[in-house]
Amino acid sequence: MAKIDDLKKGDRVSWDTSQGRTRGKVVGIRTKPFSIKGTDLTASKDKPMVEVESEKTGAHASHKASALSKLQAAAGTATGKKATGKASKGTKADSDTASSKKADAKASTKRADAKASLSKKADSKKATKKADSKKATKTADTKKATTKKKANST
């Protein structure tokens, strides 16, 4: 969990979403009411909010600082350090990134499985609907034939 004093514009952070853990950057620290995509949000000096931008989608969101985990900056970016080409020892931030990637992969697999399941259900419903339609047509044809027979016999 990050503290509001530890965060600044441009910091890389991660947070939980309904689809799993995601990463992004801090766009700003808000201390006054603001809006994102037409949604009015409340912030104050006593309860500041952190506006973030997703790396994956570019979507903006607002979170309390306590809901964010600060990540290690990518080499050659916000810290101003250049990549040395040496392998670094794993850090908590690296671990968070790896965990986030695993969570993203799991979520992606779950979405693909759910989509395939829905597709199968839709195909099944179409087949059932088609069969019901054929039955209804056959029943209607039978009724017409019966009505014609009755009309001809009178």
Protein backbone atom coordinates (compact mmCIF):
# COMPACT_ATOMS: atom_id res chain seq x y z
CA MET A 1 0.00 0.00 0.00
CA ALA A 2 1.26 3.40 -0.93
CA LYS A 3 0.95 6.53 1.14
CA ILE A 4 -0.15 9.76 -0.47
CA ASP A 5 3.18 11.42 0.44
CA ASP A 6 5.08 8.63 -1.38
CA LEU A 7 3.30 9.20 -4.71
CA LYS A 8 3.93 11.83 -7.35
CA LYS A 9 2.94 12.41 -10.96
CA GLY A 10 4.55 9.85 -13.28
CA ASP A 11 5.07 7.13 -10.64
CA ARG A 12 4.27 3.57 -11.79
CA VAL A 13 1.62 1.90 -9.63
CA SER A 14 -0.58 -1.17 -9.63
CA TRP A 15 -4.09 -1.76 -8.29
CA ASP A 16 -6.81 -4.39 -8.18
CA THR A 17 -9.70 -4.40 -10.64
CA SER A 18 -12.53 -6.84 -11.20
CA GLN A 19 -10.46 -8.30 -14.06
CA GLY A 20 -7.35 -8.74 -11.89
CA ARG A 21 -4.33 -6.66 -11.02
CA THR A 22 -3.45 -3.86 -13.44
CA ARG A 23 -0.64 -1.36 -13.79
CA GLY A 24 -0.40 2.26 -14.79
CA LYS A 25 0.99 5.63 -13.88
CA VAL A 26 -0.05 8.44 -11.58
CA VAL A 27 -1.58 11.29 -13.56
CA GLY A 28 -2.11 13.53 -10.57
CA ILE A 29 -3.02 13.87 -6.90
CA ARG A 30 -6.47 15.44 -6.57
CA THR A 31 -7.46 17.53 -3.55
CA LYS A 32 -10.58 19.14 -5.01
CA PRO A 33 -13.71 17.63 -6.58
CA PHE A 34 -13.13 16.57 -10.20
CA SER A 35 -14.66 14.39 -12.91
CA ILE A 36 -13.49 11.51 -15.10
CA LYS A 37 -15.54 10.69 -18.21
CA GLY A 38 -18.52 12.63 -16.89
CA THR A 39 -18.48 11.03 -13.43
CA ASP A 40 -18.14 13.56 -10.61
CA LEU A 41 -15.68 12.46 -7.94
CA THR A 42 -15.02 13.85 -4.48
CA ALA A 43 -11.57 14.71 -3.18
CA SER A 44 -10.30 17.08 -0.54
CA LYS A 45 -7.09 17.98 1.27
CA ASP A 46 -8.20 15.64 4.07
CA LYS A 47 -9.10 12.82 1.65
CA PRO A 48 -7.00 13.18 -1.50
CA MET A 49 -7.53 10.88 -4.49
CA VAL A 50 -4.93 9.63 -6.94
CA GLU A 51 -5.83 9.79 -10.63
CA VAL A 52 -4.20 6.95 -12.56
CA GLU A 53 -3.95 5.91 -16.20
CA SER A 54 -3.92 2.23 -17.17
CA GLU A 55 -0.89 1.05 -19.18
CA LYS A 56 -3.06 -1.47 -21.00
CA THR A 57 -6.12 0.58 -21.98
CA GLY A 58 -5.18 4.20 -21.32
CA ALA A 59 -8.36 4.56 -19.25
CA HIS A 60 -8.31 6.95 -16.31
CA ALA A 61 -9.51 6.03 -12.83
CA SER A 62 -9.32 7.43 -9.33
CA HIS A 63 -8.21 5.54 -6.21
CA LYS A 64 -7.26 6.17 -2.63
CA ALA A 65 -3.51 5.99 -2.18
CA SER A 66 -3.97 2.98 0.13
CA ALA A 67 -5.42 0.98 -2.80
CA LEU A 68 -2.26 1.46 -4.87
CA SER A 69 1.09 -0.31 -4.78
CA LYS A 70 4.07 1.67 -6.00
CA LEU A 71 6.14 -0.17 -8.62
CA GLN A 72 9.77 0.21 -9.52
CA ALA A 73 10.17 2.66 -12.42
CA ALA A 74 11.11 1.14 -15.77
CA ALA A 75 14.78 1.52 -16.66
CA GLY A 76 15.62 4.84 -18.30
CA THR A 77 12.32 6.51 -17.40
CA ALA A 78 11.07 8.41 -14.37
CA THR A 79 14.17 7.80 -12.23
CA GLY A 80 16.51 9.09 -14.91
CA LYS A 81 18.70 5.98 -14.57
CA LYS A 82 19.86 4.17 -17.65
CA ALA A 83 19.62 0.42 -18.07
CA THR A 84 22.94 -1.28 -17.36
CA GLY A 85 22.12 -4.55 -19.06
CA LYS A 86 22.87 -6.44 -15.83
CA ALA A 87 20.26 -8.74 -14.38
CA SER A 88 18.94 -7.31 -11.14
CA LYS A 89 17.92 -9.26 -8.09
CA GLY A 90 14.17 -9.62 -7.66
CA THR A 91 12.49 -6.91 -5.65
CA LYS A 92 9.01 -6.62 -4.26
CA ALA A 93 8.08 -4.37 -7.19
CA ASP A 94 9.37 -7.02 -9.63
CA SER A 95 7.38 -9.60 -7.72
CA ASP A 96 4.26 -7.40 -7.93
CA THR A 97 4.80 -7.04 -11.67
CA ALA A 98 5.24 -10.80 -12.13
CA SER A 99 2.17 -11.49 -10.00
CA SER A 100 0.24 -8.92 -11.97
CA LYS A 101 1.25 -10.55 -15.26
CA LYS A 102 0.16 -13.96 -13.95
CA ALA A 103 -3.16 -12.51 -12.79
CA ASP A 104 -3.64 -10.84 -16.19
CA ALA A 105 -2.96 -14.16 -17.94
CA LYS A 106 -5.41 -16.00 -15.67
CA ALA A 107 -8.07 -13.35 -16.21
CA SER A 108 -7.53 -13.49 -19.96
CA THR A 109 -7.89 -17.29 -19.94
CA LYS A 110 -11.06 -17.05 -17.84
CA ARG A 111 -12.52 -14.49 -20.26
CA ALA A 112 -11.69 -16.71 -23.24
CA ASP A 113 -13.26 -19.75 -21.51
CA ALA A 114 -16.37 -17.75 -20.62
CA LYS A 115 -16.64 -16.45 -24.18
CA ALA A 116 -16.35 -19.99 -25.59
CA SER A 117 -18.97 -21.21 -23.13
CA LEU A 118 -21.34 -18.39 -24.10
CA SER A 119 -20.77 -19.16 -27.77
CA LYS A 120 -21.67 -22.83 -27.18
CA LYS A 121 -24.80 -21.79 -25.27
CA ALA A 122 -25.78 -19.40 -28.06
CA ASP A 123 -25.28 -22.13 -30.68
CA SER A 124 -27.36 -24.50 -28.57
CA LYS A 125 -30.13 -21.91 -28.20
CA LYS A 126 -30.11 -21.29 -31.96
CA ALA A 127 -30.42 -25.01 -32.64
CA THR A 128 -33.27 -25.32 -30.14
CA LYS A 129 -35.01 -22.27 -31.59
CA LYS A 130 -34.64 -23.68 -35.11
CA ALA A 131 -36.06 -27.06 -34.01
CA ASP A 132 -38.95 -25.32 -32.23
CA SER A 133 -39.60 -23.26 -35.35
CA LYS A 134 -39.74 -26.44 -37.48
CA LYS A 135 -42.15 -28.04 -34.98
CA ALA A 136 -44.34 -24.93 -35.00
CA THR A 137 -44.39 -24.90 -38.82
CA LYS A 138 -45.24 -28.61 -38.92
CA THR A 139 -48.01 -28.13 -36.36
CA ALA A 140 -49.41 -25.18 -38.30
CA ASP A 141 -49.32 -27.20 -41.56
CA THR A 142 -51.11 -30.09 -39.83
CA LYS A 143 -53.81 -27.74 -38.53
CA LYS A 144 -54.31 -26.27 -42.01
CA ALA A 145 -54.63 -29.74 -43.52
CA THR A 146 -57.14 -30.78 -40.84
CA THR A 147 -59.17 -27.60 -41.43
CA LYS A 148 -59.21 -28.24 -45.21
CA LYS A 149 -60.36 -31.84 -44.68
CA LYS A 150 -63.19 -30.65 -42.43
CA ALA A 151 -64.18 -27.98 -44.95
CA ASN A 152 -64.19 -30.46 -47.83
CA SER A 153 -66.21 -33.07 -45.91
CA THR A 154 -69.08 -30.70 -45.17
